[in-house]
């Protein structure tokens, strides 16, 4: 079964294509399930003075949910649409995040860490944030945030778990202990992770997470779902064939899917 649970659309400000464009593309490439999962609005910075195009405005959130639900009904029988949200974890803003998650009928919520304070480590415009920092300490701060996100109980699976490597900044000290601690937090909370294929088009040239993290997930019984992190319709499903091949090599034979915040494992 071909699925893609991580996609972004024009509302987020840094993607192109309407939601329906992704649905039509999903039908075209034969997706059985398509997850719509745009970014949660910014909570901890002022969108008017921050970097532009980071996430959908707060006033668009109800419109986003409504449109997703309409498309789910409109295309029933052609493609199985799952309505999701990438719910950025911001330490100290747990109450606000929970309010957004609780008020809408999501099929799933992705837990992702992009921000360390006001620094978005995934934004190419903010690479100067690495200047003057000890790389291992940044990794430690990042994986601590991932663990805290997992423990909130807000999320169904954790997204692009090692996205901290996106731009090729690597510490001299092996961060494996940090990675394992984050994965154990995921396991203890009964969450899944995603294999996010978009890393293959990033400077790191490796999917998120790394093979060794996926192998650890397999050994520890952590379920995996799959996503392209497409920001334009043409990239829907991109590299997912390679992701599936890697999962099969490791030993996975099931993917996690989600409906009404409940997980179901399906064979692939």
Protein backbone atom coordinates (compact mmCIF):
# COMPACT_ATOMS: atom_id res chain seq x y z
CA UNK A 1 0.00 0.00 0.00
CA UNK A 2 1.45 3.34 -1.08
CA UNK A 3 0.96 6.12 1.47
CA UNK A 4 2.39 9.59 2.09
CA UNK A 5 1.72 11.16 5.48
CA UNK A 6 3.80 14.36 5.31
CA UNK A 7 2.83 17.17 2.93
CA UNK A 8 2.71 20.98 2.91
CA UNK A 9 0.65 23.45 0.94
CA UNK A 10 0.41 27.09 -0.01
CA UNK A 11 -1.10 28.14 3.33
CA UNK A 12 2.16 27.53 5.18
CA UNK A 13 3.89 30.29 3.21
CA UNK A 14 6.89 28.29 2.02
CA UNK A 15 5.17 25.70 -0.17
CA UNK A 16 3.23 25.92 -3.41
CA UNK A 17 0.03 24.23 -4.55
CA UNK A 18 -3.48 24.15 -3.16
CA UNK A 19 -4.64 21.23 -1.05
CA UNK A 20 -6.70 19.90 -3.92
CA UNK A 21 -3.63 19.93 -6.18
CA UNK A 22 -2.01 17.44 -3.80
CA UNK A 23 -5.12 15.29 -3.75
CA UNK A 24 -5.24 15.15 -7.54
CA UNK A 25 -1.53 14.37 -7.68
CA UNK A 26 -1.98 11.64 -5.10
CA UNK A 27 -4.66 10.02 -7.23
CA UNK A 28 -2.41 10.34 -10.29
CA UNK A 29 0.52 8.51 -8.69
CA UNK A 30 -1.68 5.86 -7.10
CA UNK A 31 -1.55 6.74 -3.41
CA UNK A 32 -3.90 4.67 -1.29
CA UNK A 33 -3.69 7.16 1.59
CA UNK A 34 -2.70 10.82 1.52
CA UNK A 35 -1.96 12.71 4.69
CA UNK A 36 -2.48 16.46 4.64
CA UNK A 37 -0.26 17.88 7.37
CA UNK A 38 0.49 21.57 7.18
CA UNK A 39 2.43 23.49 9.83
CA UNK A 40 0.74 24.69 12.97
CA UNK A 41 0.68 28.52 13.23
CA UNK A 42 3.56 30.20 15.00
CA UNK A 43 2.99 30.66 18.73
CA UNK A 44 6.19 32.00 20.24
CA UNK A 45 7.34 34.64 17.75
CA UNK A 46 5.56 37.55 16.11
CA UNK A 47 4.88 36.54 12.48
CA UNK A 48 4.93 40.21 11.48
CA UNK A 49 8.53 40.70 12.55
CA UNK A 50 9.90 37.16 12.19
CA UNK A 51 11.13 35.53 9.00
CA UNK A 52 8.26 35.49 6.48
CA UNK A 53 6.49 32.40 5.27
CA UNK A 54 7.17 30.10 8.22
CA UNK A 55 3.66 28.75 8.89
CA UNK A 56 -0.01 29.41 8.21
CA UNK A 57 -1.54 32.44 9.96
CA UNK A 58 -3.68 31.57 12.96
CA UNK A 59 -6.83 32.78 11.20
CA UNK A 60 -6.22 30.22 8.44
CA UNK A 61 -6.17 27.21 10.77
CA UNK A 62 -9.97 26.65 10.87
CA UNK A 63 -10.14 27.17 7.09
CA UNK A 64 -7.38 24.62 6.62
CA UNK A 65 -9.18 22.02 8.73
CA UNK A 66 -12.50 22.70 7.02
CA UNK A 67 -11.01 22.39 3.53
CA UNK A 68 -9.24 19.15 4.42
CA UNK A 69 -12.47 17.62 5.69
CA UNK A 70 -14.36 18.71 2.57
CA UNK A 71 -11.72 17.17 0.30
CA UNK A 72 -11.79 13.98 2.35
CA UNK A 73 -15.49 13.65 1.61
CA UNK A 74 -15.28 14.85 -2.01
CA UNK A 75 -12.65 12.30 -3.01
CA UNK A 76 -13.94 9.38 -0.96
CA UNK A 77 -13.60 6.24 -3.05
CA UNK A 78 -10.75 7.69 -5.12
CA UNK A 79 -8.18 8.28 -2.40
CA UNK A 80 -8.25 7.92 1.37
CA UNK A 81 -7.40 11.34 2.79
CA UNK A 82 -6.16 11.59 6.37
CA UNK A 83 -6.38 15.03 7.96
CA UNK A 84 -3.28 15.92 9.90
CA UNK A 85 -1.19 18.71 11.37
CA UNK A 86 2.52 19.14 11.88
CA UNK A 87 2.38 20.35 15.43
CA UNK A 88 5.69 22.03 16.11
CA UNK A 89 6.85 21.52 19.68
CA UNK A 90 7.84 24.77 21.39
CA UNK A 91 9.07 24.31 24.94
CA UNK A 92 7.05 26.49 27.27
CA UNK A 93 4.06 26.69 24.94
CA UNK A 94 2.54 23.31 25.73
CA UNK A 95 -0.82 24.76 26.79
CA UNK A 96 -1.23 26.65 23.52
CA UNK A 97 -0.16 23.64 21.44
CA UNK A 98 -2.60 21.35 23.24
CA UNK A 99 -5.44 23.80 22.65
CA UNK A 100 -4.85 23.70 18.89
CA UNK A 101 -4.56 19.93 18.83
CA UNK A 102 -7.66 19.34 20.94
CA UNK A 103 -10.08 21.61 19.10
CA UNK A 104 -9.95 19.97 15.65
CA UNK A 105 -10.79 16.41 14.53
CA UNK A 106 -7.32 15.41 13.33
CA UNK A 107 -6.57 11.92 12.12
CA UNK A 108 -3.00 12.40 13.31
CA UNK A 109 -0.58 15.02 14.61
CA UNK A 110 3.11 14.98 13.77
CA UNK A 111 5.47 16.00 16.54
CA UNK A 112 8.35 17.96 15.06
CA UNK A 113 11.08 20.08 16.55
CA UNK A 114 12.18 22.95 14.33
CA UNK A 115 12.78 25.64 16.94
CA UNK A 116 15.36 25.95 19.66
CA UNK A 117 14.05 29.09 21.28
CA UNK A 118 13.45 31.52 18.44
CA UNK A 119 16.04 29.85 16.19
CA UNK A 120 14.56 27.62 13.51
CA UNK A 121 17.33 25.11 12.86
CA UNK A 122 15.59 23.92 9.68
CA UNK A 123 15.49 27.34 7.97
CA UNK A 124 18.23 28.03 5.41
CA UNK A 125 17.95 31.75 6.22
CA UNK A 126 19.03 31.15 9.80
CA UNK A 127 22.27 29.23 9.33
CA UNK A 128 24.14 31.97 11.17
CA UNK A 129 22.57 30.52 14.27
CA UNK A 130 25.28 27.87 14.20
CA UNK A 131 28.03 30.49 14.46
CA UNK A 132 29.86 30.48 17.75
CA UNK A 133 28.02 27.41 19.02
CA UNK A 134 29.51 24.05 19.93
CA UNK A 135 27.78 21.66 17.54
CA UNK A 136 27.40 18.80 20.00
CA UNK A 137 25.71 21.13 22.49
CA UNK A 138 23.20 22.14 19.81
CA UNK A 139 22.52 18.46 19.12
CA UNK A 140 22.05 17.86 22.86
CA UNK A 141 19.57 20.73 23.11
CA UNK A 142 17.72 19.50 20.03
CA UNK A 143 17.36 15.88 21.16
CA UNK A 144 16.33 17.02 24.63
CA UNK A 145 13.49 18.95 22.95
CA UNK A 146 12.54 15.87 20.91
CA UNK A 147 12.32 13.81 24.12
CA UNK A 148 10.22 16.47 25.81
CA UNK A 149 7.93 16.64 22.79
CA UNK A 150 7.42 12.88 22.84
CA UNK A 151 6.57 12.92 26.52
CA UNK A 152 3.83 15.54 26.16
CA UNK A 153 1.43 12.93 24.80
CA UNK A 154 0.29 15.42 22.15
CA UNK A 155 1.54 13.54 19.11
CA UNK A 156 0.93 10.36 17.15
CA UNK A 157 4.34 10.10 15.58
CA UNK A 158 7.56 12.08 15.63
CA UNK A 159 8.65 13.68 12.37
CA UNK A 160 12.08 13.81 10.74
CA UNK A 161 13.70 12.80 14.00
CA UNK A 162 17.28 13.81 13.14
CA UNK A 163 16.52 16.89 11.04
CA UNK A 164 19.24 18.64 13.05
CA UNK A 165 21.68 17.17 10.48
CA UNK A 166 19.85 18.81 7.56
CA UNK A 167 22.56 21.31 6.59
CA UNK A 168 25.50 19.04 7.22
CA UNK A 169 26.60 20.34 10.61
CA UNK A 170 28.01 17.32 12.42
CA UNK A 171 29.61 17.20 15.85
CA UNK A 172 33.02 15.62 16.34
CA UNK A 173 31.57 13.56 19.18
CA UNK A 174 29.17 10.83 18.03
CA UNK A 175 25.62 11.88 19.02
CA UNK A 176 24.40 8.28 19.24
CA UNK A 177 23.65 8.45 22.97
CA UNK A 178 21.51 11.54 22.36
CA UNK A 179 19.67 9.79 19.54
CA UNK A 180 19.02 6.68 21.61
CA UNK A 181 17.67 8.75 24.50
CA UNK A 182 15.20 10.45 22.14
CA UNK A 183 14.16 7.14 20.59
CA UNK A 184 13.60 5.65 24.02
CA UNK A 185 11.33 8.56 24.91
CA UNK A 186 9.36 7.80 21.74
CA UNK A 187 9.17 4.10 22.62
CA UNK A 188 8.16 4.71 26.23
CA UNK A 189 5.26 6.88 25.06
CA UNK A 190 4.12 4.27 22.55
CA UNK A 191 4.64 6.59 19.58
CA UNK A 192 5.71 5.88 16.03
CA UNK A 193 8.28 7.75 13.99
CA UNK A 194 8.34 8.62 10.32
CA UNK A 195 10.94 7.92 7.71
CA UNK A 196 11.04 11.26 5.95
CA UNK A 197 12.54 10.91 2.50
CA UNK A 198 13.08 14.64 1.94
CA UNK A 199 16.58 14.46 3.41
CA UNK A 200 17.75 13.02 0.09
CA UNK A 201 17.29 16.45 -1.48
CA UNK A 202 18.97 18.29 1.42
CA UNK A 203 22.67 19.02 2.00
CA UNK A 204 22.86 16.04 4.40
CA UNK A 205 21.90 13.74 1.47
CA UNK A 206 20.35 11.19 3.82
CA UNK A 207 16.81 10.40 4.82
CA UNK A 208 15.50 11.33 8.25
CA UNK A 209 16.27 9.42 10.39
CA UNK A 210 19.51 7.63 9.65
CA UNK A 211 19.67 3.92 8.93
CA UNK A 212 21.15 3.18 12.34
CA UNK A 213 18.24 4.93 14.03
CA UNK A 214 15.78 2.95 11.92
CA UNK A 215 17.59 -0.28 12.80
CA UNK A 216 17.27 0.65 16.47
CA UNK A 217 13.55 1.29 15.98
CA UNK A 218 13.15 -2.14 14.42
CA UNK A 219 14.96 -3.84 17.30
CA UNK A 220 12.97 -1.92 19.92
CA UNK A 221 9.59 -2.32 18.25
CA UNK A 222 9.02 1.33 17.38
CA UNK A 223 6.53 1.55 14.47
CA UNK A 224 7.33 3.59 11.38
CA UNK A 225 5.22 5.56 8.93
CA UNK A 226 6.39 7.28 5.77
CA UNK A 227 6.32 10.73 4.20
CA UNK A 228 7.85 12.76 1.40
CA UNK A 229 7.56 16.16 3.16
CA UNK A 230 6.48 17.49 -0.24
CA UNK A 231 6.25 21.28 -0.53
CA UNK A 232 5.01 21.17 -4.11
CA UNK A 233 2.61 18.72 -5.74
CA UNK A 234 5.24 17.33 -8.11
CA UNK A 235 7.28 16.11 -5.14
CA UNK A 236 4.47 14.10 -3.61
CA UNK A 237 5.78 10.58 -3.08
CA UNK A 238 9.33 11.62 -3.99
CA UNK A 239 11.97 9.07 -2.90
CA UNK A 240 9.40 6.94 -1.10
CA UNK A 241 10.43 3.95 -3.21
CA UNK A 242 13.91 4.26 -1.71
CA UNK A 243 12.45 4.66 1.76
CA UNK A 244 10.38 1.49 1.36
CA UNK A 245 13.40 -0.41 0.08
CA UNK A 246 15.44 0.67 3.09
CA UNK A 247 12.70 -0.34 5.51
CA UNK A 248 12.46 -3.76 3.88
CA UNK A 249 16.24 -4.23 4.06
CA UNK A 250 16.12 -3.53 7.79
CA UNK A 251 13.24 -5.96 8.31
CA UNK A 252 10.11 -3.80 8.56
CA UNK A 253 7.02 -5.24 6.90
CA UNK A 254 4.36 -2.90 8.28
CA UNK A 255 3.65 0.81 8.14
CA UNK A 256 1.77 2.83 10.73
CA UNK A 257 -1.40 4.58 9.54
CA UNK A 258 -3.71 6.80 11.53
CA UNK A 259 -7.41 7.58 11.67
CA UNK A 260 -9.13 9.65 14.37
CA UNK A 261 -5.87 9.57 16.37
CA UNK A 262 -5.79 5.76 16.40
CA UNK A 263 -2.92 3.80 14.89
CA UNK A 264 -3.27 0.82 12.62
CA UNK A 265 -0.38 -1.18 11.16
CA UNK A 266 -0.72 -2.23 7.54
CA UNK A 267 1.54 -4.63 5.62
CA UNK A 268 3.64 -3.39 2.72
